[in-house]
Amino acid sequence: MSAFANSLASAAVVVTVGAVVVLWRHRLRSIVAALSVQGVALAATAALLGIHEHDRGLLAVAGLVLLVKAAVVPGLLARVVAANPGARESDPLVNVPASLVVAGLLTLGAFVAARPIVALVGGPTGRLVPLGLATVLIGFFAMVARRRAMSQVVGLLLVDNGIALVAFLVTSGVPVIVEFGSTLDVLFGVVVLRVLLARLSAAGFSDLDQLRSLHD
């Protein structure tokens, strides 16, 4: 394999591994750190494609992704965690060993389901599409399996990052204006959720069961 293919595969693998780490770790600080590393890997994917395709637009997208997904969004979430540095996902609906098994099964299922796309796209980028799909599925699973409101937000961001990875690989990037609008939407949503999480944490409500008790 070429250096480009190896580097691209490494970046895509890191994106998926970052999603698995979110299921593995209990401490919210570690979960936010994994999300930041995932953002760096996603930006690297866009940058590698931009360099290979000689596409300045993709390089601009890579810079935007690096700024927002690797720095700004994790930074906003880290500020919420800083208010309670010992916070952890203490009682998930699915325990860690079972969650890792499910993540493996979801990844395997993603490789099976993505076969038509892999055949259609072809090349080194097409072979990596299942990793993006696996990240999306793991993100949805994290939203279902975790109780903490912060973990729910991170799961949503994993889904977004997985969709972005698939878009980069299938289309060799998306137009700058599309990615810019999408990223701003995500950033705006995280800002709102960050304020909500801070208020819930200050009031002592950070577990989904506690939030359901308010509804009841």
N, C-alpha and C. Protein backbone atom coordinates (compact mmCIF):
# COMPACT_ATOMS: atom_id res chain seq x y z
N MET A 1 0.83 -1.20 0.00
CA MET A 1 0.00 0.00 0.00
C MET A 1 0.87 1.25 0.00
N SER A 2 0.35 2.34 -0.60
CA SER A 2 1.09 3.58 -0.65
C SER A 2 1.08 4.28 0.70
N ALA A 3 1.97 5.27 0.83
CA ALA A 3 2.01 6.04 2.08
C ALA A 3 0.69 6.75 2.32
N PHE A 4 0.07 7.23 1.24
CA PHE A 4 -1.22 7.90 1.36
C PHE A 4 -2.27 6.95 1.91
N ALA A 5 -2.36 5.75 1.35
CA ALA A 5 -3.36 4.78 1.79
C ALA A 5 -3.13 4.37 3.24
N ASN A 6 -1.86 4.16 3.62
CA ASN A 6 -1.55 3.78 5.00
C ASN A 6 -1.92 4.89 5.98
N SER A 7 -1.58 6.12 5.61
CA SER A 7 -1.87 7.26 6.49
C SER A 7 -3.37 7.47 6.63
N LEU A 8 -4.09 7.35 5.49
CA LEU A 8 -5.53 7.52 5.51
C LEU A 8 -6.19 6.44 6.37
N ALA A 9 -5.72 5.20 6.22
CA ALA A 9 -6.27 4.09 7.01
C ALA A 9 -6.01 4.32 8.49
N SER A 10 -4.82 4.79 8.83
CA SER A 10 -4.49 5.04 10.24
C SER A 10 -5.42 6.10 10.83
N ALA A 11 -5.65 7.17 10.09
CA ALA A 11 -6.52 8.25 10.58
C ALA A 11 -7.95 7.74 10.77
N ALA A 12 -8.45 6.97 9.80
CA ALA A 12 -9.82 6.45 9.90
C ALA A 12 -9.96 5.47 11.06
N VAL A 13 -8.94 4.65 11.28
CA VAL A 13 -8.96 3.70 12.40
C VAL A 13 -9.00 4.45 13.73
N VAL A 14 -8.25 5.54 13.84
CA VAL A 14 -8.23 6.32 15.08
C VAL A 14 -9.62 6.90 15.36
N VAL A 15 -10.32 7.33 14.30
CA VAL A 15 -11.68 7.85 14.48
C VAL A 15 -12.58 6.78 15.11
N THR A 16 -12.51 5.56 14.58
CA THR A 16 -13.35 4.47 15.11
C THR A 16 -12.89 4.04 16.50
N VAL A 17 -11.59 3.95 16.71
CA VAL A 17 -11.07 3.58 18.03
C VAL A 17 -11.49 4.62 19.07
N GLY A 18 -11.52 5.88 18.66
CA GLY A 18 -11.97 6.93 19.59
C GLY A 18 -13.39 6.66 20.07
N ALA A 19 -14.24 6.17 19.18
CA ALA A 19 -15.61 5.85 19.57
C ALA A 19 -15.63 4.68 20.56
N VAL A 20 -14.78 3.69 20.33
CA VAL A 20 -14.71 2.54 21.23
C VAL A 20 -14.19 2.97 22.61
N VAL A 21 -13.22 3.88 22.62
CA VAL A 21 -12.68 4.37 23.89
C VAL A 21 -13.76 5.05 24.72
N VAL A 22 -14.68 5.75 24.06
CA VAL A 22 -15.79 6.39 24.78
C VAL A 22 -16.61 5.34 25.53
N LEU A 23 -16.78 4.15 24.94
CA LEU A 23 -17.50 3.08 25.63
C LEU A 23 -16.66 2.44 26.72
N TRP A 24 -15.36 2.47 26.57
CA TRP A 24 -14.44 1.79 27.48
C TRP A 24 -14.21 2.58 28.76
N ARG A 25 -14.06 3.90 28.62
CA ARG A 25 -13.68 4.73 29.75
C ARG A 25 -14.91 5.14 30.57
N HIS A 26 -14.70 5.28 31.87
CA HIS A 26 -15.77 5.73 32.77
C HIS A 26 -15.66 7.22 33.07
N ARG A 27 -14.45 7.73 33.24
CA ARG A 27 -14.27 9.13 33.61
C ARG A 27 -14.66 10.04 32.45
N LEU A 28 -15.49 11.03 32.75
CA LEU A 28 -15.95 11.93 31.70
C LEU A 28 -14.80 12.75 31.11
N ARG A 29 -13.79 13.04 31.92
CA ARG A 29 -12.63 13.77 31.40
C ARG A 29 -11.94 12.97 30.30
N SER A 30 -11.81 11.66 30.51
CA SER A 30 -11.18 10.79 29.51
C SER A 30 -12.05 10.68 28.26
N ILE A 31 -13.36 10.66 28.45
CA ILE A 31 -14.28 10.57 27.31
C ILE A 31 -14.17 11.81 26.43
N VAL A 32 -14.09 12.99 27.06
CA VAL A 32 -13.94 14.24 26.30
C VAL A 32 -12.60 14.26 25.58
N ALA A 33 -11.54 13.76 26.24
CA ALA A 33 -10.22 13.70 25.61
C ALA A 33 -10.24 12.80 24.38
N ALA A 34 -10.94 11.66 24.48
CA ALA A 34 -11.06 10.76 23.33
C ALA A 34 -11.78 11.43 22.18
N LEU A 35 -12.78 12.24 22.50
CA LEU A 35 -13.52 12.97 21.46
C LEU A 35 -12.61 13.97 20.76
N SER A 36 -11.71 14.61 21.53
CA SER A 36 -10.78 15.56 20.94
C SER A 36 -9.80 14.87 19.99
N VAL A 37 -9.27 13.73 20.43
CA VAL A 37 -8.35 12.96 19.57
C VAL A 37 -9.06 12.51 18.30
N GLN A 38 -10.31 12.13 18.44
CA GLN A 38 -11.09 11.73 17.27
C GLN A 38 -11.23 12.90 16.29
N GLY A 39 -11.43 14.11 16.82
CA GLY A 39 -11.51 15.29 15.97
C GLY A 39 -10.22 15.54 15.21
N VAL A 40 -9.09 15.32 15.87
CA VAL A 40 -7.79 15.48 15.20
C VAL A 40 -7.66 14.47 14.06
N ALA A 41 -8.05 13.22 14.32
CA ALA A 41 -7.97 12.17 13.29
C ALA A 41 -8.89 12.48 12.11
N LEU A 42 -10.07 13.01 12.41
CA LEU A 42 -11.01 13.36 11.34
C LEU A 42 -10.45 14.50 10.48
N ALA A 43 -9.83 15.49 11.13
CA ALA A 43 -9.19 16.58 10.40
C ALA A 43 -8.03 16.05 9.55
N ALA A 44 -7.28 15.10 10.10
CA ALA A 44 -6.17 14.51 9.35
C ALA A 44 -6.67 13.78 8.11
N THR A 45 -7.82 13.12 8.24
CA THR A 45 -8.42 12.44 7.08
C THR A 45 -8.72 13.42 5.96
N ALA A 46 -9.36 14.54 6.33
CA ALA A 46 -9.68 15.56 5.33
C ALA A 46 -8.41 16.17 4.73
N ALA A 47 -7.40 16.39 5.58
CA ALA A 47 -6.15 16.98 5.10
C ALA A 47 -5.43 16.05 4.13
N LEU A 48 -5.40 14.76 4.46
CA LEU A 48 -4.74 13.79 3.58
C LEU A 48 -5.44 13.72 2.23
N LEU A 49 -6.77 13.72 2.24
CA LEU A 49 -7.51 13.71 0.98
C LEU A 49 -7.27 14.99 0.20
N GLY A 50 -7.21 16.12 0.92
CA GLY A 50 -6.95 17.40 0.25
C GLY A 50 -5.59 17.45 -0.41
N ILE A 51 -4.58 16.93 0.28
CA ILE A 51 -3.23 16.91 -0.28
C ILE A 51 -3.17 15.96 -1.49
N HIS A 52 -3.80 14.80 -1.35
CA HIS A 52 -3.77 13.81 -2.43
C HIS A 52 -4.53 14.28 -3.66
N GLU A 53 -5.65 14.99 -3.43
CA GLU A 53 -6.48 15.46 -4.54
C GLU A 53 -6.08 16.87 -4.99
N HIS A 54 -5.09 17.49 -4.33
CA HIS A 54 -4.68 18.87 -4.62
C HIS A 54 -5.90 19.81 -4.54
N ASP A 55 -6.66 19.62 -3.47
CA ASP A 55 -7.91 20.37 -3.29
C ASP A 55 -7.75 21.31 -2.10
N ARG A 56 -7.65 22.62 -2.39
CA ARG A 56 -7.50 23.59 -1.31
C ARG A 56 -8.76 23.70 -0.45
N GLY A 57 -9.91 23.44 -1.07
CA GLY A 57 -11.15 23.47 -0.31
C GLY A 57 -11.15 22.42 0.79
N LEU A 58 -10.65 21.23 0.46
CA LEU A 58 -10.58 20.17 1.46
C LEU A 58 -9.62 20.53 2.57
N LEU A 59 -8.53 21.19 2.22
CA LEU A 59 -7.58 21.62 3.25
C LEU A 59 -8.22 22.64 4.17
N ALA A 60 -9.06 23.52 3.60
CA ALA A 60 -9.77 24.49 4.42
C ALA A 60 -10.76 23.78 5.35
N VAL A 61 -11.44 22.76 4.82
CA VAL A 61 -12.36 21.96 5.63
C VAL A 61 -11.60 21.28 6.77
N ALA A 62 -10.40 20.76 6.46
CA ALA A 62 -9.59 20.11 7.49
C ALA A 62 -9.26 21.08 8.62
N GLY A 63 -8.91 22.31 8.26
CA GLY A 63 -8.62 23.31 9.27
C GLY A 63 -9.85 23.63 10.12
N LEU A 64 -11.00 23.72 9.47
CA LEU A 64 -12.25 23.99 10.19
C LEU A 64 -12.60 22.86 11.14
N VAL A 65 -12.45 21.62 10.66
CA VAL A 65 -12.75 20.46 11.49
C VAL A 65 -11.80 20.41 12.69
N LEU A 66 -10.52 20.70 12.45
CA LEU A 66 -9.54 20.69 13.53
C LEU A 66 -9.90 21.72 14.59
N LEU A 67 -10.30 22.89 14.15
CA LEU A 67 -10.63 23.97 15.09
C LEU A 67 -11.86 23.62 15.92
N VAL A 68 -12.93 23.20 15.22
CA VAL A 68 -14.21 23.01 15.90
C VAL A 68 -14.28 21.66 16.63
N LYS A 69 -13.99 20.57 15.90
CA LYS A 69 -14.21 19.24 16.47
C LYS A 69 -13.09 18.77 17.39
N ALA A 70 -11.90 19.31 17.22
CA ALA A 70 -10.78 18.88 18.08
C ALA A 70 -10.48 19.86 19.20
N ALA A 71 -10.94 21.10 19.07
CA ALA A 71 -10.59 22.11 20.08
C ALA A 71 -11.81 22.76 20.73
N VAL A 72 -12.65 23.40 19.92
CA VAL A 72 -13.74 24.20 20.49
C VAL A 72 -14.78 23.33 21.19
N VAL A 73 -15.31 22.34 20.49
CA VAL A 73 -16.37 21.50 21.08
C VAL A 73 -15.86 20.73 22.30
N PRO A 74 -14.72 20.01 22.21
CA PRO A 74 -14.22 19.36 23.43
C PRO A 74 -13.91 20.35 24.54
N GLY A 75 -13.46 21.54 24.17
CA GLY A 75 -13.18 22.55 25.19
C GLY A 75 -14.43 22.97 25.94
N LEU A 76 -15.53 23.13 25.21
CA LEU A 76 -16.80 23.48 25.85
C LEU A 76 -17.25 22.38 26.81
N LEU A 77 -17.13 21.14 26.36
CA LEU A 77 -17.53 20.03 27.23
C LEU A 77 -16.58 19.88 28.42
N ALA A 78 -15.30 20.14 28.20
CA ALA A 78 -14.32 20.04 29.29
C ALA A 78 -14.62 21.05 30.39
N ARG A 79 -15.17 22.19 30.02
CA ARG A 79 -15.50 23.20 31.04
C ARG A 79 -16.63 22.71 31.93
N VAL A 80 -17.57 21.95 31.34
CA VAL A 80 -18.64 21.37 32.16
C VAL A 80 -18.06 20.32 33.10
N VAL A 81 -17.15 19.48 32.57
CA VAL A 81 -16.54 18.43 33.39
C VAL A 81 -15.69 19.04 34.49
N ALA A 82 -15.03 20.18 34.20
CA ALA A 82 -14.16 20.82 35.19
C ALA A 82 -14.92 21.21 36.45
N ALA A 83 -16.21 21.45 36.31
CA ALA A 83 -17.02 21.80 37.49
C ALA A 83 -17.17 20.61 38.42
N ASN A 84 -16.98 19.41 37.89
CA ASN A 84 -17.06 18.18 38.70
C ASN A 84 -16.00 17.21 38.17
N PRO A 85 -14.71 17.47 38.47
CA PRO A 85 -13.62 16.72 37.84
C PRO A 85 -13.64 15.22 38.10
N GLY A 86 -14.31 14.79 39.16
CA GLY A 86 -14.35 13.36 39.46
C GLY A 86 -15.53 12.65 38.84
N ALA A 87 -16.31 13.37 38.03
CA ALA A 87 -17.52 12.78 37.45
C ALA A 87 -17.17 11.59 36.56
N ARG A 88 -18.00 10.57 36.62
CA ARG A 88 -17.77 9.37 35.83
C ARG A 88 -19.10 8.71 35.49
N GLU A 89 -19.05 7.88 34.47
CA GLU A 89 -20.21 7.09 34.06
C GLU A 89 -20.20 5.85 34.95
N SER A 90 -20.83 5.94 36.12
CA SER A 90 -20.69 4.92 37.15
C SER A 90 -21.62 3.73 36.96
N ASP A 91 -22.75 3.93 36.33
CA ASP A 91 -23.73 2.85 36.24
C ASP A 91 -24.40 2.83 34.88
N PRO A 92 -23.64 2.49 33.82
CA PRO A 92 -24.25 2.46 32.48
C PRO A 92 -25.27 1.34 32.37
N LEU A 93 -26.18 1.49 31.45
CA LEU A 93 -27.20 0.46 31.23
C LEU A 93 -26.57 -0.84 30.75
N VAL A 94 -25.47 -0.72 30.00
CA VAL A 94 -24.71 -1.89 29.53
C VAL A 94 -23.29 -1.75 30.06
N ASN A 95 -22.78 -2.77 30.77
CA ASN A 95 -21.45 -2.66 31.36
C ASN A 95 -20.37 -2.63 30.29
N VAL A 96 -19.15 -2.30 30.72
CA VAL A 96 -18.05 -2.07 29.77
C VAL A 96 -17.72 -3.32 28.94
N PRO A 97 -17.51 -4.50 29.56
CA PRO A 97 -17.19 -5.67 28.72
C PRO A 97 -18.27 -5.96 27.66
N ALA A 98 -19.53 -5.88 28.08
CA ALA A 98 -20.60 -6.13 27.12
C ALA A 98 -20.65 -5.04 26.05
N SER A 99 -20.36 -3.79 26.45
CA SER A 99 -20.36 -2.69 25.49
C SER A 99 -19.27 -2.88 24.44
N LEU A 100 -18.10 -3.37 24.86
CA LEU A 100 -17.01 -3.60 23.91
C LEU A 100 -17.35 -4.73 22.95
N VAL A 101 -18.03 -5.76 23.46
CA VAL A 101 -18.48 -6.85 22.58
C VAL A 101 -19.48 -6.32 21.55
N VAL A 102 -20.43 -5.50 22.02
CA VAL A 102 -21.41 -4.91 21.10
C VAL A 102 -20.72 -4.04 20.07
N ALA A 103 -19.71 -3.26 20.50
CA ALA A 103 -18.96 -2.41 19.56
C ALA A 103 -18.29 -3.26 18.48
N GLY A 104 -17.73 -4.40 18.89
CA GLY A 104 -17.12 -5.30 17.91
C GLY A 104 -18.15 -5.84 16.93
N LEU A 105 -19.31 -6.23 17.44
CA LEU A 105 -20.37 -6.74 16.58
C LEU A 105 -20.90 -5.67 15.63
N LEU A 106 -21.02 -4.45 16.14
CA LEU A 106 -21.48 -3.34 15.29
C LEU A 106 -20.47 -3.05 14.19
N THR A 107 -19.19 -3.14 14.53
CA THR A 107 -18.15 -2.91 13.52
C THR A 107 -18.19 -4.00 12.45
N LEU A 108 -18.35 -5.24 12.90
CA LEU A 108 -18.47 -6.34 11.94
C LEU A 108 -19.69 -6.15 11.05
N GLY A 109 -20.82 -5.76 11.67
CA GLY A 109 -22.02 -5.51 10.90
C GLY A 109 -21.85 -4.37 9.90
N ALA A 110 -21.08 -3.36 10.30
CA ALA A 110 -20.84 -2.23 9.39
C ALA A 110 -20.05 -2.68 8.16
N PHE A 111 -19.08 -3.57 8.35
CA PHE A 111 -18.31 -4.07 7.21
C PHE A 111 -19.18 -4.89 6.27
N VAL A 112 -20.12 -5.63 6.83
CA VAL A 112 -21.02 -6.43 5.99
C VAL A 112 -22.00 -5.53 5.25
N ALA A 113 -22.60 -4.58 5.98
CA ALA A 113 -23.63 -3.71 5.38
C ALA A 113 -23.04 -2.78 4.33
N ALA A 114 -21.76 -2.40 4.50
CA ALA A 114 -21.16 -1.41 3.60
C ALA A 114 -20.55 -2.02 2.35
N ARG A 115 -20.68 -3.31 2.15
CA ARG A 115 -20.06 -3.95 0.99
C ARG A 115 -20.47 -3.30 -0.35
N PRO A 116 -21.75 -2.99 -0.55
CA PRO A 116 -22.11 -2.34 -1.83
C PRO A 116 -21.43 -0.99 -2.02
N ILE A 117 -21.31 -0.23 -0.93
CA ILE A 117 -20.66 1.08 -1.03
C ILE A 117 -19.17 0.92 -1.31
N VAL A 118 -18.55 -0.06 -0.64
CA VAL A 118 -17.12 -0.33 -0.86
C VAL A 118 -16.88 -0.68 -2.31
N ALA A 119 -17.74 -1.53 -2.86
CA ALA A 119 -17.58 -1.94 -4.26
C ALA A 119 -17.80 -0.77 -5.21
N LEU A 120 -18.72 0.13 -4.85
CA LEU A 120 -19.03 1.27 -5.71
C LEU A 120 -17.92 2.31 -5.69
N VAL A 121 -17.43 2.64 -4.50
CA VAL A 121 -16.40 3.68 -4.38
C VAL A 121 -15.04 3.15 -4.80
N GLY A 122 -14.69 1.95 -4.32
CA GLY A 122 -13.42 1.34 -4.66
C GLY A 122 -12.23 2.10 -4.11
N GLY A 123 -11.04 1.57 -4.37
CA GLY A 123 -9.82 2.24 -3.95
C GLY A 123 -9.63 2.24 -2.44
N PRO A 124 -8.58 2.92 -1.97
CA PRO A 124 -8.30 2.94 -0.53
C PRO A 124 -9.36 3.66 0.28
N THR A 125 -10.04 4.63 -0.33
CA THR A 125 -11.07 5.35 0.41
C THR A 125 -12.31 4.47 0.62
N GLY A 126 -12.70 3.75 -0.43
CA GLY A 126 -13.88 2.89 -0.33
C GLY A 126 -13.73 1.82 0.73
N ARG A 127 -12.54 1.26 0.86
CA ARG A 127 -12.32 0.19 1.84
C ARG A 127 -12.47 0.68 3.28
N LEU A 128 -12.38 1.98 3.48
CA LEU A 128 -12.44 2.53 4.84
C LEU A 128 -13.84 3.01 5.23
N VAL A 129 -14.76 3.01 4.29
CA VAL A 129 -16.13 3.48 4.58
C VAL A 129 -16.77 2.73 5.74
N PRO A 130 -16.57 1.39 5.87
CA PRO A 130 -17.18 0.70 7.01
C PRO A 130 -16.75 1.25 8.36
N LEU A 131 -15.55 1.82 8.45
CA LEU A 131 -15.10 2.39 9.72
C LEU A 131 -15.95 3.61 10.10
N GLY A 132 -16.31 4.41 9.10
CA GLY A 132 -17.19 5.55 9.37
C GLY A 132 -18.56 5.09 9.79
N LEU A 133 -19.09 4.07 9.11
CA LEU A 133 -20.40 3.54 9.47
C LEU A 133 -20.37 2.93 10.86
N ALA A 134 -19.28 2.24 11.20
CA ALA A 134 -19.14 1.66 12.54
C ALA A 134 -19.14 2.75 13.60
N THR A 135 -18.50 3.87 13.32
CA THR A 135 -18.47 4.99 14.26
C THR A 135 -19.87 5.53 14.50
N VAL A 136 -20.65 5.62 13.44
CA VAL A 136 -22.05 6.08 13.58
C VAL A 136 -22.84 5.13 14.47
N LEU A 137 -22.70 3.83 14.22
CA LEU A 137 -23.46 2.84 14.99
C LEU A 137 -23.04 2.83 16.46
N ILE A 138 -21.73 2.95 16.69
CA ILE A 138 -21.24 2.98 18.07
C ILE A 138 -21.73 4.23 18.78
N GLY A 139 -21.81 5.34 18.05
CA GLY A 139 -22.33 6.57 18.63
C GLY A 139 -23.78 6.42 19.07
N PHE A 140 -24.60 5.79 18.22
CA PHE A 140 -26.00 5.54 18.59
C PHE A 140 -26.07 4.61 19.81
N PHE A 141 -25.21 3.61 19.82
CA PHE A 141 -25.21 2.68 20.96
C PHE A 141 -24.81 3.40 22.25
N ALA A 142 -23.84 4.30 22.17
CA ALA A 142 -23.42 5.06 23.35
C ALA A 142 -24.58 5.89 23.89
N MET A 143 -25.39 6.44 23.00
CA MET A 143 -26.54 7.23 23.43
C MET A 143 -27.57 6.35 24.15
N VAL A 144 -27.67 5.10 23.73
CA VAL A 144 -28.64 4.19 24.34
C VAL A 144 -28.12 3.59 25.64
N ALA A 145 -26.82 3.28 25.69
CA ALA A 145 -26.26 2.49 26.78
C ALA A 145 -25.79 3.32 27.98
N ARG A 146 -25.64 4.62 27.82
CA ARG A 146 -25.11 5.45 28.89
C ARG A 146 -26.19 6.28 29.55
N ARG A 147 -26.01 6.54 30.86
CA ARG A 147 -27.00 7.29 31.64
C ARG A 147 -26.68 8.77 31.73
N ARG A 148 -25.40 9.11 31.81
CA ARG A 148 -25.01 10.50 32.00
C ARG A 148 -25.43 11.37 30.81
N ALA A 149 -25.94 12.56 31.12
CA ALA A 149 -26.32 13.49 30.06
C ALA A 149 -25.12 13.84 29.19
N MET A 150 -23.94 14.00 29.82
CA MET A 150 -22.72 14.30 29.07
C MET A 150 -22.41 13.18 28.07
N SER A 151 -22.55 11.94 28.51
CA SER A 151 -22.29 10.81 27.62
C SER A 151 -23.26 10.78 26.45
N GLN A 152 -24.49 11.22 26.68
CA GLN A 152 -25.47 11.30 25.60
C GLN A 152 -25.03 12.31 24.55
N VAL A 153 -24.52 13.45 25.01
CA VAL A 153 -24.04 14.49 24.09
C VAL A 153 -22.85 13.96 23.30
N VAL A 154 -21.93 13.29 23.97
CA VAL A 154 -20.76 12.73 23.29
C VAL A 154 -21.18 11.69 22.26
N GLY A 155 -22.17 10.86 22.59
CA GLY A 155 -22.67 9.89 21.63
C GLY A 155 -23.21 10.55 20.38
N LEU A 156 -23.92 11.66 20.55
CA LEU A 156 -24.44 12.41 19.40
C LEU A 156 -23.30 12.94 18.55
N LEU A 157 -22.23 13.41 19.20
CA LEU A 157 -21.07 13.92 18.46
C LEU A 157 -20.33 12.80 17.74
N LEU A 158 -20.32 11.60 18.32
CA LEU A 158 -19.72 10.46 17.64
C LEU A 158 -20.47 10.15 16.35
N VAL A 159 -21.79 10.21 16.41
CA VAL A 159 -22.60 9.99 15.21
C VAL A 159 -22.24 11.02 14.14
N ASP A 160 -22.14 12.29 14.55
CA ASP A 160 -21.80 13.35 13.60
C ASP A 160 -20.42 13.12 12.99
N ASN A 161 -19.45 12.73 13.82
CA ASN A 161 -18.10 12.49 13.31
C ASN A 161 -18.07 11.30 12.35
N GLY A 162 -18.84 10.26 12.66
CA GLY A 162 -18.90 9.11 11.76
C GLY A 162 -19.49 9.47 10.41
N ILE A 163 -20.55 10.28 10.44
CA ILE A 163 -21.17 10.73 9.18
C ILE A 163 -20.17 11.56 8.37
N ALA A 164 -19.42 12.44 9.06
CA ALA A 164 -18.42 13.26 8.37
C ALA A 164 -17.34 12.39 7.75
N LEU A 165 -16.91 11.35 8.47
CA LEU A 165 -15.87 10.46 7.92
C LEU A 165 -16.37 9.76 6.66
N VAL A 166 -17.59 9.26 6.69
CA VAL A 166 -18.16 8.61 5.51
C VAL A 166 -18.24 9.60 4.34
N ALA A 167 -18.66 10.83 4.63
CA ALA A 167 -18.78 11.84 3.57
C ALA A 167 -17.42 12.14 2.95
N PHE A 168 -16.39 12.26 3.78
CA PHE A 168 -15.04 12.53 3.25
C PHE A 168 -14.57 11.39 2.36
N LEU A 169 -14.80 10.16 2.79
CA LEU A 169 -14.28 9.01 2.07
C LEU A 169 -15.05 8.73 0.79
N VAL A 170 -16.36 8.90 0.83
CA VAL A 170 -17.19 8.58 -0.33
C VAL A 170 -17.08 9.64 -1.41
N THR A 171 -17.05 10.91 -1.00
CA THR A 171 -17.07 12.01 -1.98
C THR A 171 -15.73 12.70 -2.13
N SER A 172 -14.69 12.18 -1.42
CA SER A 172 -13.40 12.87 -1.36
C SER A 172 -13.58 14.29 -0.85
N GLY A 173 -14.44 14.40 0.15
CA GLY A 173 -14.67 15.71 0.76
C GLY A 173 -15.99 16.30 0.32
N VAL A 174 -16.45 17.27 1.11
CA VAL A 174 -17.68 17.98 0.78
C VAL A 174 -17.33 19.44 0.56
N PRO A 175 -18.17 20.19 -0.19
CA PRO A 175 -17.88 21.61 -0.40
C PRO A 175 -17.69 22.35 0.92
N VAL A 176 -16.80 23.33 0.91
CA VAL A 176 -16.47 24.07 2.13
C VAL A 176 -17.71 24.67 2.76
N ILE A 177 -18.59 25.25 1.93
CA ILE A 177 -19.76 25.93 2.47
C ILE A 177 -20.70 24.95 3.17
N VAL A 178 -20.78 23.70 2.63
CA VAL A 178 -21.63 22.68 3.25
C VAL A 178 -21.06 22.27 4.60
N GLU A 179 -19.77 21.98 4.62
CA GLU A 179 -19.13 21.59 5.87
C GLU A 179 -19.16 22.72 6.89
N PHE A 180 -18.98 23.96 6.41
CA PHE A 180 -19.01 25.11 7.30
C PHE A 180 -20.39 25.23 7.97
N GLY A 181 -21.45 25.10 7.16
CA GLY A 181 -22.79 25.19 7.71
C GLY A 181 -23.08 24.06 8.68
N SER A 182 -22.67 22.84 8.31
CA SER A 182 -22.89 21.69 9.18
C SER A 182 -22.14 21.84 10.49
N THR A 183 -20.90 22.30 10.42
CA THR A 183 -20.09 22.45 11.63
C THR A 183 -20.64 23.54 12.53
N LEU A 184 -21.13 24.61 11.94
CA LEU A 184 -21.73 25.67 12.74
C LEU A 184 -22.98 25.16 13.45
N ASP A 185 -23.77 24.33 12.75
CA ASP A 185 -24.95 23.74 13.39
C ASP A 185 -24.55 22.90 14.60
N VAL A 186 -23.52 22.07 14.42
CA VAL A 186 -23.04 21.24 15.53
C VAL A 186 -22.53 22.11 16.66
N LEU A 187 -21.75 23.13 16.32
CA LEU A 187 -21.19 24.01 17.34
C LEU A 187 -22.30 24.72 18.11
N PHE A 188 -23.30 25.23 17.39
CA PHE A 188 -24.41 25.91 18.05
C PHE A 188 -25.15 24.95 18.98
N GLY A 189 -25.38 23.72 18.50
CA GLY A 189 -26.05 22.73 19.33
C GLY A 189 -25.26 22.41 20.59
N VAL A 190 -23.94 22.29 20.45
CA VAL A 190 -23.10 21.97 21.61
C VAL A 190 -23.09 23.14 22.60
N VAL A 191 -23.08 24.36 22.09
CA VAL A 191 -23.12 25.52 22.99
C VAL A 191 -24.40 25.49 23.83
N VAL A 192 -25.53 25.22 23.17
CA VAL A 192 -26.80 25.14 23.89
C VAL A 192 -26.77 24.00 24.90
N LEU A 193 -26.27 22.83 24.46
CA LEU A 193 -26.21 21.68 25.35
C LEU A 193 -25.24 21.93 26.50
N ARG A 194 -24.16 22.65 26.22
CA ARG A 194 -23.18 22.95 27.27
C ARG A 194 -23.83 23.79 28.36
N VAL A 195 -24.60 24.80 27.97
CA VAL A 195 -25.30 25.63 28.95
C VAL A 195 -26.29 24.79 29.74
N LEU A 196 -27.02 23.92 29.03
CA LEU A 196 -28.00 23.05 29.70
C LEU A 196 -27.31 22.10 30.67
N LEU A 197 -26.20 21.49 30.23
CA LEU A 197 -25.48 20.56 31.09
C LEU A 197 -24.94 21.26 32.33
N ALA A 198 -24.43 22.48 32.15
CA ALA A 198 -23.90 23.23 33.29
C ALA A 198 -24.99 23.51 34.31
N ARG A 199 -26.17 23.89 33.83
CA ARG A 199 -27.28 24.18 34.74
C ARG A 199 -27.77 22.91 35.44
N LEU A 200 -27.85 21.80 34.68
CA LEU A 200 -28.28 20.54 35.28
C LEU A 200 -27.27 20.06 36.32
N SER A 201 -25.98 20.20 36.00
CA SER A 201 -24.94 19.78 36.93
C SER A 201 -24.98 20.62 38.20
N ALA A 202 -25.19 21.93 38.04
CA ALA A 202 -25.26 22.80 39.21
C ALA A 202 -26.46 22.46 40.08
N ALA A 203 -27.53 21.97 39.45
CA ALA A 203 -28.73 21.61 40.20
C ALA A 203 -28.67 20.18 40.73
N GLY A 204 -27.59 19.46 40.38
CA GLY A 204 -27.44 18.09 40.86
C GLY A 204 -28.10 17.05 40.00
N PHE A 205 -28.47 17.41 38.77
CA PHE A 205 -29.11 16.45 37.86
C PHE A 205 -28.19 16.21 36.67
N SER A 206 -27.56 15.04 36.64
CA SER A 206 -26.70 14.70 35.50
C SER A 206 -26.94 13.29 35.01
N ASP A 207 -27.79 12.55 35.70
CA ASP A 207 -28.13 11.18 35.34
C ASP A 207 -29.51 11.16 34.68
N LEU A 208 -29.66 10.33 33.65
CA LEU A 208 -30.94 10.27 32.94
C LEU A 208 -32.08 9.83 33.84
N ASP A 209 -31.81 8.95 34.78
CA ASP A 209 -32.86 8.51 35.69
C ASP A 209 -33.37 9.68 36.54
N GLN A 210 -32.44 10.56 36.94
CA GLN A 210 -32.84 11.74 37.72
C GLN A 210 -33.70 12.65 36.87
N LEU A 211 -33.36 12.79 35.59
CA LEU A 211 -34.13 13.64 34.70
C LEU A 211 -35.52 13.04 34.47
N ARG A 212 -35.60 11.72 34.36
CA ARG A 212 -36.91 11.08 34.18
C ARG A 212 -37.77 11.26 35.43
N SER A 213 -37.13 11.30 36.61
CA SER A 213 -37.90 11.50 37.83
C SER A 213 -38.53 12.87 37.87
N LEU A 214 -37.86 13.86 37.25
CA LEU A 214 -38.46 15.19 37.15
C LEU A 214 -39.71 15.15 36.29
N HIS A 215 -39.65 14.38 35.22
CA HIS A 215 -40.79 14.25 34.31
C HIS A 215 -41.95 13.59 35.03
N ASP A 216 -41.63 12.54 35.81
CA ASP A 216 -42.67 11.82 36.52
C ASP A 216 -43.29 12.72 37.63
